[in-house]
């Protein structure tokens, strides 16, 4: 009989995953940096192509508005190229990142090079692209209904307020409506999250159908959305801490600029901003890896939980692993 996913099991999975993330923190930071770098470069390239020519013309003294508009229009054509490149690389990169999380959760060797493994074969590249489109399509199917209802109700409230002749009367109903919409989106977001576990199935067999992989992954979480909600909330403190530390560091820089002033104040501000960015990268890498590896641990526990005496897991063994930390799934 499958044991229940208890609070004790959740804490044990999180404890082991946190230890593994901390022991591989440098790799976690490195792989997150490499994952983000191509997208940052593409965005910079896109903005440079869109506005670079027009800005250069303005700086050189051009005043012809028609020529400037033509320069902006020609730059807009590069947006489609950039979007296409993002779509092509996002699938394989996500596949490599998720493979890193799965290996880390299972106690296997997971290096920064795992991110680029999908680019070694066309089959892996295509598998990553298909999974990204599958997840986006499934997310769209689940969100289109609540969003459409929210938009219709928003228009109805606005029209009703216009007919009543009191524009301020729309504020309270719109606020209530928005809060209800956010509450209604919680189970939808959790349902969409369950499809992400399909990456683990794809890591085991990248030749399988991505539609079947995501369908089977969400089936594993059937009746477990409440526990998944508690699981997500258990990481709230880490996310709040990451944001608080980052903003505190930036605020110290602003205070230093105001108090010290002059060149030294500017130097303090720059140093604090650099420190805030570094802390943000560090916390982001830790929290993201910690949460996703634990999520895959929860998925594998629900899919094929081990038989533990009195539902007590061994100290360093996660679901789907033997006593030596190796994967048995």
Protein backbone atom coordinates (compact mmCIF):
# COMPACT_ATOMS: atom_id res chain seq x y z
CA UNK A 1 0.00 0.00 0.00
CA UNK A 2 1.30 3.43 -0.95
CA UNK A 3 2.21 5.45 2.15
CA UNK A 4 0.72 8.89 2.58
CA UNK A 5 2.83 11.92 1.75
CA UNK A 6 3.12 13.21 5.29
CA UNK A 7 4.73 16.32 6.70
CA UNK A 8 7.57 14.10 7.94
CA UNK A 9 8.21 12.80 4.42
CA UNK A 10 8.16 16.35 3.04
CA UNK A 11 10.64 17.58 5.63
CA UNK A 12 12.96 14.62 5.04
CA UNK A 13 12.94 15.11 1.28
CA UNK A 14 13.63 18.82 1.69
CA UNK A 15 16.40 18.17 4.22
CA UNK A 16 18.28 15.80 1.94
CA UNK A 17 17.81 18.03 -1.10
CA UNK A 18 19.01 21.09 0.81
CA UNK A 19 22.16 19.25 1.87
CA UNK A 20 22.85 18.23 -1.71
CA UNK A 21 22.22 21.74 -3.01
CA UNK A 22 24.54 23.28 -0.41
CA UNK A 23 27.26 20.77 -1.21
CA UNK A 24 26.91 21.66 -4.91
CA UNK A 25 26.15 25.36 -4.50
CA UNK A 26 28.91 26.45 -6.87
CA UNK A 27 27.52 24.22 -9.60
CA UNK A 28 24.00 25.50 -8.92
CA UNK A 29 25.12 29.11 -9.32
CA UNK A 30 27.15 28.27 -12.41
CA UNK A 31 24.37 26.45 -14.20
CA UNK A 32 21.80 29.17 -13.41
CA UNK A 33 24.20 31.81 -14.71
CA UNK A 34 24.86 29.87 -17.92
CA UNK A 35 21.13 29.22 -18.34
CA UNK A 36 20.29 32.94 -18.08
CA UNK A 37 23.25 34.25 -20.11
CA UNK A 38 21.96 33.43 -23.65
CA UNK A 39 18.59 35.07 -22.93
CA UNK A 40 20.24 38.19 -21.51
CA UNK A 41 22.51 38.45 -24.54
CA UNK A 42 19.58 37.96 -26.93
CA UNK A 43 17.57 40.68 -25.19
CA UNK A 44 20.52 43.07 -25.35
CA UNK A 45 21.00 42.20 -29.01
CA UNK A 46 17.30 42.76 -29.68
CA UNK A 47 17.25 46.21 -28.08
CA UNK A 48 20.50 47.17 -29.79
CA UNK A 49 19.07 46.14 -33.16
CA UNK A 50 15.74 47.86 -32.49
CA UNK A 51 16.99 51.20 -31.22
CA UNK A 52 20.71 51.26 -31.94
CA UNK A 53 20.48 52.77 -35.41
CA UNK A 54 17.91 55.38 -34.37
CA UNK A 55 19.93 56.38 -31.31
CA UNK A 56 23.08 56.65 -33.43
CA UNK A 57 21.21 58.92 -35.87
CA UNK A 58 19.97 61.17 -33.04
CA UNK A 59 23.44 61.41 -31.53
CA UNK A 60 24.90 62.32 -34.90
CA UNK A 61 22.43 65.22 -35.27
CA UNK A 62 19.65 63.76 -37.46
CA UNK A 63 16.39 65.69 -37.06
CA UNK A 64 14.32 64.08 -39.82
CA UNK A 65 11.45 62.33 -38.03
CA UNK A 66 10.62 60.23 -41.09
CA UNK A 67 14.14 58.82 -41.28
CA UNK A 68 14.13 58.10 -37.56
CA UNK A 69 10.78 56.31 -37.87
CA UNK A 70 12.13 54.22 -40.77
CA UNK A 71 15.18 53.30 -38.68
CA UNK A 72 12.93 52.16 -35.83
CA UNK A 73 10.69 50.20 -38.22
CA UNK A 74 13.66 48.37 -39.74
CA UNK A 75 14.92 47.55 -36.26
CA UNK A 76 11.57 46.04 -35.30
CA UNK A 77 12.10 43.29 -37.87
CA UNK A 78 14.85 41.82 -35.71
CA UNK A 79 12.34 41.12 -32.91
CA UNK A 80 10.99 38.09 -34.76
CA UNK A 81 14.48 36.70 -35.27
CA UNK A 82 15.26 37.12 -31.57
CA UNK A 83 11.97 35.53 -30.49
CA UNK A 84 12.61 32.59 -32.82
CA UNK A 85 16.10 32.07 -31.39
CA UNK A 86 14.70 32.21 -27.85
CA UNK A 87 12.11 29.57 -28.70
CA UNK A 88 14.76 27.33 -30.26
CA UNK A 89 17.21 27.47 -27.37
CA UNK A 90 14.74 27.63 -24.46
CA UNK A 91 13.59 24.03 -24.89
CA UNK A 92 17.03 22.35 -24.88
CA UNK A 93 18.31 24.67 -22.15
CA UNK A 94 15.29 23.92 -19.95
CA UNK A 95 15.77 20.22 -20.64
CA UNK A 96 19.39 20.44 -19.49
CA UNK A 97 18.48 22.47 -16.40
CA UNK A 98 15.74 20.04 -15.38
CA UNK A 99 18.09 17.13 -15.97
CA UNK A 100 20.50 18.79 -13.53
CA UNK A 101 17.73 19.11 -10.91
CA UNK A 102 16.64 15.48 -11.34
CA UNK A 103 20.18 14.15 -11.07
CA UNK A 104 20.85 16.27 -8.02
CA UNK A 105 17.69 15.02 -6.35
CA UNK A 106 18.60 11.40 -7.09
CA UNK A 107 22.11 11.82 -5.73
CA UNK A 108 23.73 11.31 -9.12
CA UNK A 109 26.68 13.24 -10.54
CA UNK A 110 25.38 16.57 -11.84
CA UNK A 111 27.84 19.03 -13.32
CA UNK A 112 27.41 22.39 -15.00
CA UNK A 113 27.92 20.66 -18.35
CA UNK A 114 24.56 18.93 -17.84
CA UNK A 115 22.95 22.12 -19.13
CA UNK A 116 24.46 21.60 -22.61
CA UNK A 117 23.89 17.84 -22.86
CA UNK A 118 20.64 18.21 -24.88
CA UNK A 119 22.59 20.05 -27.59
CA UNK A 120 24.64 16.92 -28.30
CA UNK A 121 21.87 15.33 -30.38
CA UNK A 122 19.02 16.54 -32.55
CA UNK A 123 16.67 14.15 -30.76
CA UNK A 124 17.35 15.79 -27.40
CA UNK A 125 16.98 19.27 -28.88
CA UNK A 126 13.64 18.32 -30.42
CA UNK A 127 12.49 16.66 -27.18
CA UNK A 128 13.20 19.85 -25.23
CA UNK A 129 11.40 22.04 -27.76
CA UNK A 130 8.36 19.75 -27.80
CA UNK A 131 8.18 19.71 -24.01
CA UNK A 132 8.33 23.50 -23.79
CA UNK A 133 5.50 23.87 -26.30
CA UNK A 134 3.50 21.12 -24.56
CA UNK A 135 3.81 22.82 -21.18
CA UNK A 136 2.91 26.21 -22.67
CA UNK A 137 -0.14 24.74 -24.42
CA UNK A 138 -1.36 22.91 -21.32
CA UNK A 139 -0.89 26.08 -19.27
CA UNK A 140 -2.88 28.04 -21.86
CA UNK A 141 -5.73 25.52 -21.76
CA UNK A 142 -6.03 25.76 -17.97
CA UNK A 143 -5.71 29.54 -17.76
CA UNK A 144 -7.87 30.64 -20.67
CA UNK A 145 -11.13 29.94 -18.81
CA UNK A 146 -10.40 31.90 -15.58
CA UNK A 147 -8.80 34.75 -17.51
CA UNK A 148 -11.77 35.00 -19.92
CA UNK A 149 -14.26 35.03 -17.03
CA UNK A 150 -12.22 37.69 -15.23
CA UNK A 151 -12.08 39.88 -18.35
CA UNK A 152 -15.84 39.57 -18.92
CA UNK A 153 -16.62 40.46 -15.30
CA UNK A 154 -14.18 43.37 -15.46
CA UNK A 155 -15.92 44.80 -18.52
CA UNK A 156 -19.32 44.26 -16.86
CA UNK A 157 -18.27 46.12 -13.71
CA UNK A 158 -16.77 48.96 -15.74
CA UNK A 159 -19.86 49.33 -17.92
CA UNK A 160 -22.14 49.23 -14.89
CA UNK A 161 -20.11 51.97 -13.20
CA UNK A 162 -20.23 54.08 -16.37
CA UNK A 163 -24.01 53.73 -16.59
CA UNK A 164 -24.34 54.72 -12.93
CA UNK A 165 -22.33 57.87 -13.61
CA UNK A 166 -19.91 57.32 -10.72
CA UNK A 167 -16.41 56.34 -11.95
CA UNK A 168 -15.15 55.88 -8.37
CA UNK A 169 -17.74 53.17 -7.74
CA UNK A 170 -15.65 50.76 -9.80
CA UNK A 171 -12.67 50.75 -7.43
CA UNK A 172 -14.01 48.48 -4.68
CA UNK A 173 -15.69 45.90 -7.01
CA UNK A 174 -12.57 45.74 -9.18
CA UNK A 175 -10.34 45.18 -6.14
CA UNK A 176 -12.60 42.39 -4.86
CA UNK A 177 -12.79 40.88 -8.33
CA UNK A 178 -9.00 40.92 -8.68
CA UNK A 179 -8.52 39.25 -5.28
CA UNK A 180 -11.05 36.54 -6.19
CA UNK A 181 -9.24 36.03 -9.50
CA UNK A 182 -5.91 35.55 -7.73
CA UNK A 183 -7.48 33.05 -5.33
CA UNK A 184 -9.08 31.16 -8.22
CA UNK A 185 -5.72 30.98 -9.99
CA UNK A 186 -4.02 29.17 -7.08
CA UNK A 187 -5.38 25.69 -7.93
CA UNK A 188 -4.80 26.40 -11.62
CA UNK A 189 -1.15 27.28 -11.00
CA UNK A 190 -0.73 24.16 -8.87
CA UNK A 191 -2.26 22.01 -11.61
CA UNK A 192 0.05 23.57 -14.20
CA UNK A 193 3.00 22.94 -11.87
CA UNK A 194 2.26 19.21 -11.79
CA UNK A 195 2.93 19.01 -15.53
CA UNK A 196 6.51 20.16 -14.87
CA UNK A 197 7.22 16.73 -13.36
CA UNK A 198 7.02 15.41 -16.92
CA UNK A 199 10.63 16.56 -17.29
CA UNK A 200 11.69 13.74 -14.96
CA UNK A 201 9.99 11.17 -17.18
CA UNK A 202 11.64 12.75 -20.23
CA UNK A 203 15.04 12.54 -18.54
CA UNK A 204 14.52 8.79 -18.12
CA UNK A 205 13.35 8.30 -21.71
CA UNK A 206 13.58 11.23 -24.10
CA UNK A 207 11.99 9.23 -26.93
CA UNK A 208 8.59 9.09 -25.24
CA UNK A 209 5.67 11.34 -26.06
CA UNK A 210 5.82 14.62 -24.14
CA UNK A 211 2.03 14.68 -23.99
CA UNK A 212 1.98 11.27 -22.31
CA UNK A 213 4.81 12.26 -19.96
CA UNK A 214 2.98 15.38 -18.74
CA UNK A 215 -0.33 13.51 -18.49
CA UNK A 216 1.22 10.76 -16.37
CA UNK A 217 3.02 13.28 -14.17
CA UNK A 218 -0.16 15.17 -13.36
CA UNK A 219 -1.93 11.88 -12.65
CA UNK A 220 0.64 11.15 -9.94
CA UNK A 221 -0.46 14.33 -8.14
CA UNK A 222 -4.16 13.48 -8.33
CA UNK A 223 -5.73 14.30 -4.96
CA UNK A 224 -2.44 15.84 -3.75
CA UNK A 225 -2.90 19.50 -4.73
CA UNK A 226 -3.49 20.52 -1.12
CA UNK A 227 -0.22 18.94 -0.06
CA UNK A 228 1.52 20.47 -3.07
CA UNK A 229 0.19 23.87 -1.96
CA UNK A 230 1.67 23.33 1.51
CA UNK A 231 4.90 22.20 -0.16
CA UNK A 232 5.12 25.44 -2.17
CA UNK A 233 4.30 27.56 0.88
CA UNK A 234 7.13 25.88 2.80
CA UNK A 235 9.60 27.74 0.55
CA UNK A 236 7.96 31.13 1.11
CA UNK A 237 10.40 32.07 3.86
CA UNK A 238 13.42 31.47 1.61
CA UNK A 239 11.93 33.60 -1.17
CA UNK A 240 11.08 36.42 1.23
CA UNK A 241 14.59 36.26 2.69
CA UNK A 242 16.16 36.45 -0.77
CA UNK A 243 14.14 39.54 -1.70
CA UNK A 244 14.65 41.17 1.71
CA UNK A 245 18.43 40.73 1.69
CA UNK A 246 18.71 42.02 -1.88
CA UNK A 247 16.62 45.13 -1.26
CA UNK A 248 18.32 45.76 2.08
CA UNK A 249 21.70 45.75 0.40
CA UNK A 250 20.47 48.18 -2.27
CA UNK A 251 18.88 50.39 0.40
CA UNK A 252 22.19 50.56 2.27
CA UNK A 253 23.77 51.85 -0.91
CA UNK A 254 21.16 54.60 -1.23
CA UNK A 255 21.64 55.54 2.44
CA UNK A 256 25.40 55.64 1.89
CA UNK A 257 24.96 57.94 -1.09
CA UNK A 258 22.75 60.32 0.92
CA UNK A 259 24.87 60.33 4.09
CA UNK A 260 28.38 60.28 2.66
CA UNK A 261 27.69 62.10 -0.64
CA UNK A 262 30.33 62.91 -3.20
CA UNK A 263 32.53 60.36 -4.92
CA UNK A 264 32.70 58.12 -1.86
CA UNK A 265 28.89 57.97 -1.68
CA UNK A 266 28.69 56.99 -5.33
CA UNK A 267 31.33 54.31 -4.75
CA UNK A 268 29.31 52.92 -1.81
CA UNK A 269 26.15 52.89 -3.93
CA UNK A 270 27.89 51.04 -6.79
CA UNK A 271 29.43 48.49 -4.42
CA UNK A 272 26.08 47.87 -2.70
CA UNK A 273 24.31 47.44 -6.04
CA UNK A 274 26.96 44.95 -7.18
CA UNK A 275 26.63 43.12 -3.86
CA UNK A 276 22.83 43.09 -4.24
CA UNK A 277 23.10 41.57 -7.73
CA UNK A 278 25.55 38.93 -6.52
CA UNK A 279 23.31 38.05 -3.56
CA UNK A 280 20.29 37.88 -5.86
CA UNK A 281 22.10 35.44 -8.16
CA UNK A 282 23.27 33.36 -5.20
CA UNK A 283 19.88 33.20 -3.49
CA UNK A 284 18.06 32.62 -6.77
CA UNK A 285 20.32 29.70 -7.64
CA UNK A 286 19.96 28.19 -4.17
CA UNK A 287 16.19 28.63 -3.79
CA UNK A 288 15.33 27.55 -7.35
CA UNK A 289 17.50 24.44 -7.17
CA UNK A 290 16.33 23.60 -3.66
CA UNK A 291 12.66 23.94 -4.59
CA UNK A 292 12.81 22.14 -7.94
CA UNK A 293 14.93 19.24 -6.70
CA UNK A 294 12.55 18.83 -3.75
CA UNK A 295 9.59 18.99 -6.13
CA UNK A 296 11.03 16.14 -8.17
CA UNK A 297 11.63 14.30 -4.90
CA UNK A 298 7.95 14.69 -4.02
CA UNK A 299 6.98 13.48 -7.49
CA UNK A 300 9.13 10.36 -7.25
CA UNK A 301 7.85 9.66 -3.74
CA UNK A 302 4.25 9.78 -4.98
CA UNK A 303 5.08 7.82 -8.12
CA UNK A 304 7.02 5.00 -6.51
CA UNK A 305 7.48 5.52 -2.76
CA UNK A 306 9.82 3.18 -0.90
CA UNK A 307 8.60 0.82 1.78
CA UNK A 308 9.94 2.29 5.00
CA UNK A 309 9.35 0.75 8.41
CA UNK A 310 6.71 2.84 10.15
CA UNK A 311 6.90 5.36 7.30
CA UNK A 312 10.29 6.55 8.57
CA UNK A 313 12.77 7.24 5.74
CA UNK A 314 16.43 6.29 6.11
CA UNK A 315 18.62 9.23 6.96
CA UNK A 316 20.18 9.80 3.54
CA UNK A 317 17.82 8.02 1.18
CA UNK A 318 15.27 9.68 -1.05
CA UNK A 319 12.34 7.98 -2.80
CA UNK A 320 13.52 6.01 -5.79
CA UNK A 321 17.04 5.50 -4.40
CA UNK A 322 18.89 2.68 -2.73
CA UNK A 323 20.83 3.03 0.48
CA UNK A 324 23.96 4.23 -1.36
CA UNK A 325 22.14 7.19 -2.87
CA UNK A 326 21.95 5.71 -6.36
CA UNK A 327 18.79 5.87 -8.43
CA UNK A 328 16.78 2.69 -8.68
CA UNK A 329 13.95 3.99 -10.83
